[in-house]
PDB file of N, CA and C in Angstrom:
ATOM      1  N   MET A   1       0.847  -1.192   0.000  1.00  0.00           N
ATOM      2  CA  MET A   1       0.000   0.000   0.000  1.00  0.00           C
ATOM      3  C   MET A   1       0.885   1.246   0.000  1.00  0.00           C
ATOM      4  N   LEU A   2       0.549   2.187  -0.862  1.00  0.00           N
ATOM      5  CA  LEU A   2       1.263   3.461  -0.902  1.00  0.00           C
ATOM      6  C   LEU A   2       0.771   4.354   0.235  1.00  0.00           C
ATOM      7  N   GLU A   3       1.642   5.230   0.698  1.00  0.00           N
ATOM      8  CA  GLU A   3       1.265   6.092   1.815  1.00  0.00           C
ATOM      9  C   GLU A   3       1.300   7.572   1.483  1.00  0.00           C
ATOM     10  N   LYS A   4       2.061   7.959   0.477  1.00  0.00           N
ATOM     11  CA  LYS A   4       2.261   9.374   0.190  1.00  0.00           C
ATOM     12  C   LYS A   4       1.602   9.751  -1.133  1.00  0.00           C
ATOM     13  N   VAL A   5       0.908  10.888  -1.146  1.00  0.00           N
ATOM     14  CA  VAL A   5       0.306  11.423  -2.373  1.00  0.00           C
ATOM     15  C   VAL A   5       1.081  12.680  -2.754  1.00  0.00           C
ATOM     16  N   ILE A   6       1.556  12.711  -3.992  1.00  0.00           N
ATOM     17  CA  ILE A   6       2.343  13.832  -4.494  1.00  0.00           C
ATOM     18  C   ILE A   6       1.581  14.451  -5.666  1.00  0.00           C
ATOM     19  N   PHE A   7       1.112  15.675  -5.486  1.00  0.00           N
ATOM     20  CA  PHE A   7       0.410  16.392  -6.556  1.00  0.00           C
ATOM     21  C   PHE A   7       1.415  17.209  -7.354  1.00  0.00           C
ATOM     22  N   THR A   8       1.354  17.109  -8.683  1.00  0.00           N
ATOM     23  CA  THR A   8       2.116  18.044  -9.507  1.00  0.00           C
ATOM     24  C   THR A   8       1.446  19.406  -9.365  1.00  0.00           C
ATOM     25  N   PRO A   9       2.166  20.488  -9.657  1.00  0.00           N
ATOM     26  CA  PRO A   9       1.528  21.809  -9.586  1.00  0.00           C
ATOM     27  C   PRO A   9       0.287  21.907 -10.463  1.00  0.00           C
ATOM     28  N   GLU A  10       0.318  21.268 -11.632  1.00  0.00           N
ATOM     29  CA  GLU A  10      -0.831  21.301 -12.539  1.00  0.00           C
ATOM     30  C   GLU A  10      -2.041  20.599 -11.925  1.00  0.00           C
ATOM     31  N   ALA A  11      -1.817  19.474 -11.284  1.00  0.00           N
ATOM     32  CA  ALA A  11      -2.918  18.744 -10.650  1.00  0.00           C
ATOM     33  C   ALA A  11      -3.491  19.534  -9.478  1.00  0.00           C
ATOM     34  N   ALA A  12      -2.623  20.176  -8.705  1.00  0.00           N
ATOM     35  CA  ALA A  12      -3.093  21.006  -7.588  1.00  0.00           C
ATOM     36  C   ALA A  12      -3.942  22.164  -8.120  1.00  0.00           C
ATOM     37  N   ASP A  13      -3.512  22.756  -9.244  1.00  0.00           N
ATOM     38  CA  ASP A  13      -4.294  23.829  -9.869  1.00  0.00           C
ATOM     39  C   ASP A  13      -5.646  23.309 -10.347  1.00  0.00           C
ATOM     40  N   ASP A  14      -5.666  22.093 -10.923  1.00  0.00           N
ATOM     41  CA  ASP A  14      -6.926  21.495 -11.380  1.00  0.00           C
ATOM     42  C   ASP A  14      -7.922  21.409 -10.233  1.00  0.00           C
ATOM     43  N   VAL A  15      -7.465  20.923  -9.090  1.00  0.00           N
ATOM     44  CA  VAL A  15      -8.346  20.751  -7.933  1.00  0.00           C
ATOM     45  C   VAL A  15      -8.817  22.104  -7.425  1.00  0.00           C
ATOM     46  N   ALA A  16      -7.908  23.067  -7.312  1.00  0.00           N
ATOM     47  CA  ALA A  16      -8.265  24.399  -6.813  1.00  0.00           C
ATOM     48  C   ALA A  16      -9.285  25.077  -7.727  1.00  0.00           C
ATOM     49  N   GLU A  17      -9.094  24.966  -9.038  1.00  0.00           N
ATOM     50  CA  GLU A  17     -10.023  25.587  -9.987  1.00  0.00           C
ATOM     51  C   GLU A  17     -11.400  24.934  -9.925  1.00  0.00           C
ATOM     52  N   ALA A  18     -11.430  23.617  -9.852  1.00  0.00           N
ATOM     53  CA  ALA A  18     -12.716  22.920  -9.772  1.00  0.00           C
ATOM     54  C   ALA A  18     -13.430  23.264  -8.462  1.00  0.00           C
ATOM     55  N   TYR A  19     -12.688  23.286  -7.373  1.00  0.00           N
ATOM     56  CA  TYR A  19     -13.273  23.647  -6.079  1.00  0.00           C
ATOM     57  C   TYR A  19     -13.912  25.035  -6.153  1.00  0.00           C
ATOM     58  N   ALA A  20     -13.165  25.999  -6.663  1.00  0.00           N
ATOM     59  CA  ALA A  20     -13.675  27.374  -6.752  1.00  0.00           C
ATOM     60  C   ALA A  20     -14.919  27.439  -7.638  1.00  0.00           C
ATOM     61  N   TRP A  21     -14.896  26.727  -8.760  1.00  0.00           N
ATOM     62  CA  TRP A  21     -16.039  26.736  -9.673  1.00  0.00           C
ATOM     63  C   TRP A  21     -17.280  26.179  -8.994  1.00  0.00           C
ATOM     64  N   TYR A  22     -17.153  25.034  -8.309  1.00  0.00           N
ATOM     65  CA  TYR A  22     -18.302  24.424  -7.636  1.00  0.00           C
ATOM     66  C   TYR A  22     -18.788  25.281  -6.469  1.00  0.00           C
ATOM     67  N   GLU A  23     -17.879  25.874  -5.725  1.00  0.00           N
ATOM     68  CA  GLU A  23     -18.282  26.728  -4.599  1.00  0.00           C
ATOM     69  C   GLU A  23     -19.025  27.964  -5.084  1.00  0.00           C
ATOM     70  N   GLU A  24     -18.608  28.477  -6.232  1.00  0.00           N
ATOM     71  CA  GLU A  24     -19.274  29.652  -6.794  1.00  0.00           C
ATOM     72  C   GLU A  24     -20.704  29.318  -7.216  1.00  0.00           C
ATOM     73  N   ARG A  25     -20.912  28.095  -7.701  1.00  0.00           N
ATOM     74  CA  ARG A  25     -22.243  27.683  -8.141  1.00  0.00           C
ATOM     75  C   ARG A  25     -23.180  27.434  -6.964  1.00  0.00           C
ATOM     76  N   GLU A  26     -22.633  26.772  -5.938  1.00  0.00           N
ATOM     77  CA  GLU A  26     -23.447  26.456  -4.760  1.00  0.00           C
ATOM     78  C   GLU A  26     -22.521  26.270  -3.556  1.00  0.00           C
ATOM     79  N   PRO A  27     -22.659  27.123  -2.540  1.00  0.00           N
ATOM     80  CA  PRO A  27     -21.807  26.980  -1.356  1.00  0.00           C
ATOM     81  C   PRO A  27     -21.914  25.563  -0.780  1.00  0.00           C
ATOM     82  N   GLY A  28     -20.756  24.976  -0.526  1.00  0.00           N
ATOM     83  CA  GLY A  28     -20.700  23.622   0.010  1.00  0.00           C
ATOM     84  C   GLY A  28     -20.444  22.565  -1.052  1.00  0.00           C
ATOM     85  N   LEU A  29     -20.745  22.874  -2.313  1.00  0.00           N
ATOM     86  CA  LEU A  29     -20.543  21.903  -3.383  1.00  0.00           C
ATOM     87  C   LEU A  29     -19.049  21.668  -3.637  1.00  0.00           C
ATOM     88  N   GLY A  30     -18.261  22.713  -3.480  1.00  0.00           N
ATOM     89  CA  GLY A  30     -16.806  22.562  -3.616  1.00  0.00           C
ATOM     90  C   GLY A  30     -16.253  21.622  -2.557  1.00  0.00           C
ATOM     91  N   GLU A  31     -16.794  21.732  -1.337  1.00  0.00           N
ATOM     92  CA  GLU A  31     -16.378  20.830  -0.263  1.00  0.00           C
ATOM     93  C   GLU A  31     -16.762  19.385  -0.589  1.00  0.00           C
ATOM     94  N   ASP A  32     -17.942  19.196  -1.169  1.00  0.00           N
ATOM     95  CA  ASP A  32     -18.356  17.858  -1.597  1.00  0.00           C
ATOM     96  C   ASP A  32     -17.385  17.310  -2.645  1.00  0.00           C
ATOM     97  N   PHE A  33     -16.990  18.171  -3.571  1.00  0.00           N
ATOM     98  CA  PHE A  33     -16.025  17.772  -4.590  1.00  0.00           C
ATOM     99  C   PHE A  33     -14.719  17.304  -3.944  1.00  0.00           C
ATOM    100  N   LEU A  34     -14.213  18.089  -2.982  1.00  0.00           N
ATOM    101  CA  LEU A  34     -12.965  17.715  -2.318  1.00  0.00           C
ATOM    102  C   LEU A  34     -13.093  16.386  -1.571  1.00  0.00           C
ATOM    103  N   ARG A  35     -14.240  16.159  -0.936  1.00  0.00           N
ATOM    104  CA  ARG A  35     -14.445  14.880  -0.242  1.00  0.00           C
ATOM    105  C   ARG A  35     -14.446  13.710  -1.224  1.00  0.00           C
ATOM    106  N   CYS A  36     -15.040  13.908  -2.390  1.00  0.00           N
ATOM    107  CA  CYS A  36     -15.055  12.841  -3.400  1.00  0.00           C
ATOM    108  C   CYS A  36     -13.663  12.597  -3.968  1.00  0.00           C
ATOM    109  N   VAL A  37     -12.889  13.651  -4.158  1.00  0.00           N
ATOM    110  CA  VAL A  37     -11.500  13.499  -4.606  1.00  0.00           C
ATOM    111  C   VAL A  37     -10.725  12.713  -3.554  1.00  0.00           C
ATOM    112  N   GLU A  38     -10.888  13.079  -2.295  1.00  0.00           N
ATOM    113  CA  GLU A  38     -10.181  12.393  -1.211  1.00  0.00           C
ATOM    114  C   GLU A  38     -10.582  10.917  -1.124  1.00  0.00           C
ATOM    115  N   ALA A  39     -11.866  10.627  -1.260  1.00  0.00           N
ATOM    116  CA  ALA A  39     -12.333   9.240  -1.213  1.00  0.00           C
ATOM    117  C   ALA A  39     -11.726   8.427  -2.360  1.00  0.00           C
ATOM    118  N   CYS A  40     -11.656   9.015  -3.534  1.00  0.00           N
ATOM    119  CA  CYS A  40     -11.064   8.340  -4.688  1.00  0.00           C
ATOM    120  C   CYS A  40      -9.575   8.081  -4.432  1.00  0.00           C
ATOM    121  N   LEU A  41      -8.892   9.076  -3.899  1.00  0.00           N
ATOM    122  CA  LEU A  41      -7.463   8.910  -3.620  1.00  0.00           C
ATOM    123  C   LEU A  41      -7.216   7.838  -2.561  1.00  0.00           C
ATOM    124  N   MET A  42      -8.077   7.752  -1.560  1.00  0.00           N
ATOM    125  CA  MET A  42      -7.919   6.724  -0.531  1.00  0.00           C
ATOM    126  C   MET A  42      -8.061   5.331  -1.149  1.00  0.00           C
ATOM    127  N   LEU A  43      -8.999   5.182  -2.066  1.00  0.00           N
ATOM    128  CA  LEU A  43      -9.183   3.904  -2.746  1.00  0.00           C
ATOM    129  C   LEU A  43      -7.952   3.563  -3.593  1.00  0.00           C
ATOM    130  N   VAL A  44      -7.439   4.553  -4.301  1.00  0.00           N
ATOM    131  CA  VAL A  44      -6.254   4.343  -5.125  1.00  0.00           C
ATOM    132  C   VAL A  44      -5.050   3.997  -4.242  1.00  0.00           C
ATOM    133  N   LEU A  45      -4.902   4.673  -3.113  1.00  0.00           N
ATOM    134  CA  LEU A  45      -3.786   4.377  -2.216  1.00  0.00           C
ATOM    135  C   LEU A  45      -3.834   2.936  -1.715  1.00  0.00           C
ATOM    136  N   ARG A  46      -5.036   2.451  -1.403  1.00  0.00           N
ATOM    137  CA  ARG A  46      -5.172   1.077  -0.914  1.00  0.00           C
ATOM    138  C   ARG A  46      -4.838   0.055  -1.989  1.00  0.00           C
ATOM    139  N   ASN A  47      -5.191   0.365  -3.229  1.00  0.00           N
ATOM    140  CA  ASN A  47      -4.953  -0.581  -4.313  1.00  0.00           C
ATOM    141  C   ASN A  47      -4.654   0.196  -5.600  1.00  0.00           C
ATOM    142  N   PRO A  48      -3.424   0.665  -5.779  1.00  0.00           N
ATOM    143  CA  PRO A  48      -3.091   1.532  -6.913  1.00  0.00           C
ATOM    144  C   PRO A  48      -3.265   0.886  -8.282  1.00  0.00           C
ATOM    145  N   ARG A  49      -3.244  -0.415  -8.364  1.00  0.00           N
ATOM    146  CA  ARG A  49      -3.377  -1.079  -9.656  1.00  0.00           C
ATOM    147  C   ARG A  49      -4.820  -1.486  -9.965  1.00  0.00           C
ATOM    148  N   LEU A  50      -5.748  -1.058  -9.125  1.00  0.00           N
ATOM    149  CA  LEU A  50      -7.162  -1.372  -9.315  1.00  0.00           C
ATOM    150  C   LEU A  50      -7.716  -0.735 -10.594  1.00  0.00           C
ATOM    151  N   PHE A  51      -7.253   0.458 -10.900  1.00  0.00           N
ATOM    152  CA  PHE A  51      -7.798   1.209 -12.029  1.00  0.00           C
ATOM    153  C   PHE A  51      -6.970   0.958 -13.290  1.00  0.00           C
ATOM    154  N   PRO A  52      -7.598   1.091 -14.467  1.00  0.00           N
ATOM    155  CA  PRO A  52      -6.907   0.730 -15.720  1.00  0.00           C
ATOM    156  C   PRO A  52      -5.814   1.723 -16.106  1.00  0.00           C
ATOM    157  N   CYS A  53      -4.882   1.219 -16.875  1.00  0.00           N
ATOM    158  CA  CYS A  53      -3.843   2.074 -17.447  1.00  0.00           C
ATOM    159  C   CYS A  53      -4.470   2.903 -18.568  1.00  0.00           C
ATOM    160  N   ALA A  54      -4.148   4.172 -18.566  1.00  0.00           N
ATOM    161  CA  ALA A  54      -4.580   5.042 -19.658  1.00  0.00           C
ATOM    162  C   ALA A  54      -3.516   5.025 -20.751  1.00  0.00           C
ATOM    163  N   LEU A  55      -2.271   5.082 -20.344  1.00  0.00           N
ATOM    164  CA  LEU A  55      -1.111   5.034 -21.237  1.00  0.00           C
ATOM    165  C   LEU A  55       0.072   4.560 -20.421  1.00  0.00           C
ATOM    166  N   ASP A  56       0.794   3.605 -20.917  1.00  0.00           N
ATOM    167  CA  ASP A  56       1.978   3.072 -20.241  1.00  0.00           C
ATOM    168  C   ASP A  56       1.680   2.816 -18.755  1.00  0.00           C
ATOM    169  N   ASN A  57       2.410   3.485 -17.861  1.00  0.00           N
ATOM    170  CA  ASN A  57       2.206   3.300 -16.417  1.00  0.00           C
ATOM    171  C   ASN A  57       1.205   4.270 -15.815  1.00  0.00           C
ATOM    172  N   PHE A  58       0.690   5.181 -16.616  1.00  0.00           N
ATOM    173  CA  PHE A  58      -0.255   6.179 -16.126  1.00  0.00           C
ATOM    174  C   PHE A  58      -1.649   5.560 -16.047  1.00  0.00           C
ATOM    175  N   ARG A  59      -2.265   5.678 -14.895  1.00  0.00           N
ATOM    176  CA  ARG A  59      -3.597   5.117 -14.683  1.00  0.00           C
ATOM    177  C   ARG A  59      -4.588   6.240 -14.451  1.00  0.00           C
ATOM    178  N   ARG A  60      -5.884   5.886 -14.561  1.00  0.00           N
ATOM    179  CA  ARG A  60      -6.903   6.904 -14.297  1.00  0.00           C
ATOM    180  C   ARG A  60      -8.045   6.300 -13.498  1.00  0.00           C
ATOM    181  N   ALA A  61      -8.520   7.109 -12.570  1.00  0.00           N
ATOM    182  CA  ALA A  61      -9.629   6.702 -11.706  1.00  0.00           C
ATOM    183  C   ALA A  61     -10.715   7.762 -11.800  1.00  0.00           C
ATOM    184  N   LEU A  62     -11.943   7.318 -11.989  1.00  0.00           N
ATOM    185  CA  LEU A  62     -13.071   8.251 -12.055  1.00  0.00           C
ATOM    186  C   LEU A  62     -13.484   8.670 -10.660  1.00  0.00           C
ATOM    187  N   ILE A  63     -13.821   9.934 -10.511  1.00  0.00           N
ATOM    188  CA  ILE A  63     -14.281  10.479  -9.239  1.00  0.00           C
ATOM    189  C   ILE A  63     -15.796  10.340  -9.184  1.00  0.00           C
ATOM    190  N   ARG A  64     -16.279   9.758  -8.113  1.00  0.00           N
ATOM    191  CA  ARG A  64     -17.723   9.549  -7.943  1.00  0.00           C
ATOM    192  C   ARG A  64     -18.436  10.896  -7.823  1.00  0.00           C
ATOM    193  N   ARG A  65     -19.618  10.989  -8.465  1.00  0.00           N
ATOM    194  CA  ARG A  65     -20.514  12.147  -8.416  1.00  0.00           C
ATOM    195  C   ARG A  65     -20.085  13.344  -9.251  1.00  0.00           C
ATOM    196  N   PHE A  66     -18.850  13.402  -9.677  1.00  0.00           N
ATOM    197  CA  PHE A  66     -18.366  14.562 -10.422  1.00  0.00           C
ATOM    198  C   PHE A  66     -17.694  14.077 -11.713  1.00  0.00           C
ATOM    199  N   PRO A  67     -17.821  14.853 -12.797  1.00  0.00           N
ATOM    200  CA  PRO A  67     -17.283  14.409 -14.088  1.00  0.00           C
ATOM    201  C   PRO A  67     -15.775  14.652 -14.220  1.00  0.00           C
ATOM    202  N   PHE A  68     -15.019  14.079 -13.311  1.00  0.00           N
ATOM    203  CA  PHE A  68     -13.568  14.225 -13.299  1.00  0.00           C
ATOM    204  C   PHE A  68     -12.915  12.868 -13.191  1.00  0.00           C
ATOM    205  N   GLU A  69     -11.689  12.793 -13.678  1.00  0.00           N
ATOM    206  CA  GLU A  69     -10.878  11.599 -13.500  1.00  0.00           C
ATOM    207  C   GLU A  69      -9.489  12.025 -13.042  1.00  0.00           C
ATOM    208  N   ILE A  70      -8.889  11.175 -12.232  1.00  0.00           N
ATOM    209  CA  ILE A  70      -7.558  11.429 -11.702  1.00  0.00           C
ATOM    210  C   ILE A  70      -6.565  10.598 -12.504  1.00  0.00           C
ATOM    211  N   PHE A  71      -5.572  11.265 -13.063  1.00  0.00           N
ATOM    212  CA  PHE A  71      -4.489  10.575 -13.754  1.00  0.00           C
ATOM    213  C   PHE A  71      -3.318  10.496 -12.800  1.00  0.00           C
ATOM    214  N   TYR A  72      -2.828   9.278 -12.583  1.00  0.00           N
ATOM    215  CA  TYR A  72      -1.796   9.065 -11.567  1.00  0.00           C
ATOM    216  C   TYR A  72      -0.834   7.975 -11.992  1.00  0.00           C
ATOM    217  N   GLU A  73       0.260   7.905 -11.231  1.00  0.00           N
ATOM    218  CA  GLU A  73       1.246   6.850 -11.434  1.00  0.00           C
ATOM    219  C   GLU A  73       1.767   6.414 -10.071  1.00  0.00           C
ATOM    220  N   PRO A  74       1.676   5.120  -9.770  1.00  0.00           N
ATOM    221  CA  PRO A  74       2.290   4.638  -8.540  1.00  0.00           C
ATOM    222  C   PRO A  74       3.808   4.575  -8.738  1.00  0.00           C
ATOM    223  N   THR A  75       4.560   5.170  -7.835  1.00  0.00           N
ATOM    224  CA  THR A  75       6.026   5.164  -7.901  1.00  0.00           C
ATOM    225  C   THR A  75       6.568   4.730  -6.546  1.00  0.00           C
ATOM    226  N   PRO A  76       7.848   4.417  -6.472  1.00  0.00           N
ATOM    227  CA  PRO A  76       8.427   4.068  -5.163  1.00  0.00           C
ATOM    228  C   PRO A  76       8.327   5.212  -4.141  1.00  0.00           C
ATOM    229  N   GLU A  77       8.281   6.461  -4.617  1.00  0.00           N
ATOM    230  CA  GLU A  77       8.185   7.615  -3.717  1.00  0.00           C
ATOM    231  C   GLU A  77       6.764   7.818  -3.197  1.00  0.00           C
ATOM    232  N   GLY A  78       5.784   7.335  -3.931  1.00  0.00           N
ATOM    233  CA  GLY A  78       4.382   7.511  -3.551  1.00  0.00           C
ATOM    234  C   GLY A  78       3.502   7.568  -4.787  1.00  0.00           C
ATOM    235  N   LEU A  79       2.296   8.016  -4.585  1.00  0.00           N
ATOM    236  CA  LEU A  79       1.318   8.127  -5.656  1.00  0.00           C
ATOM    237  C   LEU A  79       1.426   9.525  -6.263  1.00  0.00           C
ATOM    238  N   VAL A  80       1.867   9.614  -7.504  1.00  0.00           N
ATOM    239  CA  VAL A  80       2.030  10.908  -8.166  1.00  0.00           C
ATOM    240  C   VAL A  80       0.760  11.208  -8.951  1.00  0.00           C
ATOM    241  N   ILE A  81       0.131  12.347  -8.631  1.00  0.00           N
ATOM    242  CA  ILE A  81      -1.086  12.796  -9.308  1.00  0.00           C
ATOM    243  C   ILE A  81      -0.675  13.823 -10.353  1.00  0.00           C
ATOM    244  N   TYR A  82      -0.957  13.498 -11.623  1.00  0.00           N
ATOM    245  CA  TYR A  82      -0.566  14.376 -12.723  1.00  0.00           C
ATOM    246  C   TYR A  82      -1.677  15.323 -13.139  1.00  0.00           C
ATOM    247  N   SER A  83      -2.921  14.881 -12.988  1.00  0.00           N
ATOM    248  CA  SER A  83      -4.036  15.711 -13.434  1.00  0.00           C
ATOM    249  C   SER A  83      -5.324  15.253 -12.760  1.00  0.00           C
ATOM    250  N   VAL A  84      -6.164  16.218 -12.456  1.00  0.00           N
ATOM    251  CA  VAL A  84      -7.548  15.958 -12.063  1.00  0.00           C
ATOM    252  C   VAL A  84      -8.348  16.615 -13.182  1.00  0.00           C
ATOM    253  N   PHE A  85      -8.757  15.788 -14.126  1.00  0.00           N
ATOM    254  CA  PHE A  85      -9.177  16.224 -15.453  1.00  0.00           C
ATOM    255  C   PHE A  85     -10.689  16.179 -15.594  1.00  0.00           C
ATOM    256  N   HIS A  86     -11.277  17.275 -16.047  1.00  0.00           N
ATOM    257  CA  HIS A  86     -12.713  17.308 -16.319  1.00  0.00           C
ATOM    258  C   HIS A  86     -12.977  16.523 -17.599  1.00  0.00           C
ATOM    259  N   CYS A  87     -13.904  15.610 -17.542  1.00  0.00           N
ATOM    260  CA  CYS A  87     -14.151  14.671 -18.653  1.00  0.00           C
ATOM    261  C   CYS A  87     -14.667  15.333 -19.926  1.00  0.00           C
ATOM    262  N   SER A  88     -15.146  16.578 -19.852  1.00  0.00           N
ATOM    263  CA  SER A  88     -15.644  17.235 -21.057  1.00  0.00           C
ATOM    264  C   SER A  88     -14.523  17.884 -21.865  1.00  0.00           C
ATOM    265  N   GLN A  89     -13.307  17.921 -21.319  1.00  0.00           N
ATOM    266  CA  GLN A  89     -12.188  18.520 -22.036  1.00  0.00           C
ATOM    267  C   GLN A  89     -11.677  17.570 -23.114  1.00  0.00           C
ATOM    268  N   ASN A  90     -10.962  18.134 -24.039  1.00  0.00           N
ATOM    269  CA  ASN A  90     -10.358  17.352 -25.107  1.00  0.00           C
ATOM    270  C   ASN A  90      -9.321  16.398 -24.503  1.00  0.00           C
ATOM    271  N   PRO A  91      -9.433  15.086 -24.749  1.00  0.00           N
ATOM    272  CA  PRO A  91      -8.487  14.135 -24.168  1.00  0.00           C
ATOM    273  C   PRO A  91      -7.043  14.338 -24.619  1.00  0.00           C
ATOM    274  N   GLU A  92      -6.851  15.048 -25.719  1.00  0.00           N
ATOM    275  CA  GLU A  92      -5.478  15.339 -26.151  1.00  0.00           C
ATOM    276  C   GLU A  92      -4.746  16.177 -25.103  1.00  0.00           C
ATOM    277  N   LYS A  93      -5.497  16.947 -24.323  1.00  0.00           N
ATOM    278  CA  LYS A  93      -4.881  17.786 -23.297  1.00  0.00           C
ATOM    279  C   LYS A  93      -4.132  16.940 -22.282  1.00  0.00           C
ATOM    280  N   TRP A  94      -4.763  15.873 -21.761  1.00  0.00           N
ATOM    281  CA  TRP A  94      -4.047  15.042 -20.781  1.00  0.00           C
ATOM    282  C   TRP A  94      -2.955  14.235 -21.450  1.00  0.00           C
ATOM    283  N   ARG A  95      -3.157  13.847 -22.702  1.00  0.00           N
ATOM    284  CA  ARG A  95      -2.093  13.125 -23.411  1.00  0.00           C
ATOM    285  C   ARG A  95      -0.857  14.012 -23.535  1.00  0.00           C
ATOM    286  N   ASN A  96      -1.062  15.290 -23.799  1.00  0.00           N
ATOM    287  CA  ASN A  96       0.065  16.223 -23.890  1.00  0.00           C
ATOM    288  C   ASN A  96       0.740  16.390 -22.531  1.00  0.00           C
ATOM    289  N   TRP A  97      -0.049  16.497 -21.466  1.00  0.00           N
ATOM    290  CA  TRP A  97       0.510  16.628 -20.127  1.00  0.00           C
ATOM    291  C   TRP A  97       1.397  15.435 -19.775  1.00  0.00           C
ATOM    292  N   LEU A  98       0.999  14.258 -20.240  1.00  0.00           N
ATOM    293  CA  LEU A  98       1.760  13.059 -19.933  1.00  0.00           C
ATOM    294  C   LEU A  98       2.898  12.812 -20.929  1.00  0.00           C
ATOM    295  N   GLY A  99       3.086  13.750 -21.866  1.00  0.00           N
ATOM    296  CA  GLY A  99       4.203  13.646 -22.788  1.00  0.00           C
ATOM    297  C   GLY A  99       3.928  12.853 -24.048  1.00  0.00           C
ATOM    298  N   TYR A 100       2.660  12.762 -24.437  1.00  0.00           N
ATOM    299  CA  TYR A 100       2.293  12.022 -25.641  1.00  0.00           C
ATOM    300  C   TYR A 100       1.616  12.953 -26.624  1.00  0.00           C
ATOM    301  N   ASP A 101       2.362  13.887 -27.207  1.00  0.00           N
ATOM    302  CA  ASP A 101       1.766  14.823 -28.160  1.00  0.00           C
ATOM    303  C   ASP A 101       1.946  14.270 -29.566  1.00  0.00           C
ATOM    304  N   ASP A 102       1.013  13.404 -29.938  1.00  0.00           N
ATOM    305  CA  ASP A 102       1.065  12.754 -31.259  1.00  0.00           C
ATOM    306  C   ASP A 102       0.934  13.757 -32.367  1.00  0.00           C
TER     307      ASP A 102
END
């Protein structure tokens, strides 16, 4: 079981932007979003290989109740979070973030 979660600056920005957007729409909804992100991360920490590979070693887990997915990689240092990606965005965006600009 992994114990440490490491957010890239881009992933931290993704979470902060989504939180602000949901809070602006309805007070408390941003907090619900954060709880769902945390619940998803706890599941991934317990079993990092539970979710499918998106590309190579990069995996993705869907966040319950919200149209987001977490792109991550289990490493010896911990669980590296590369993106908390809104599913309506162009998937090429996360492919570029992960270094696959076809």
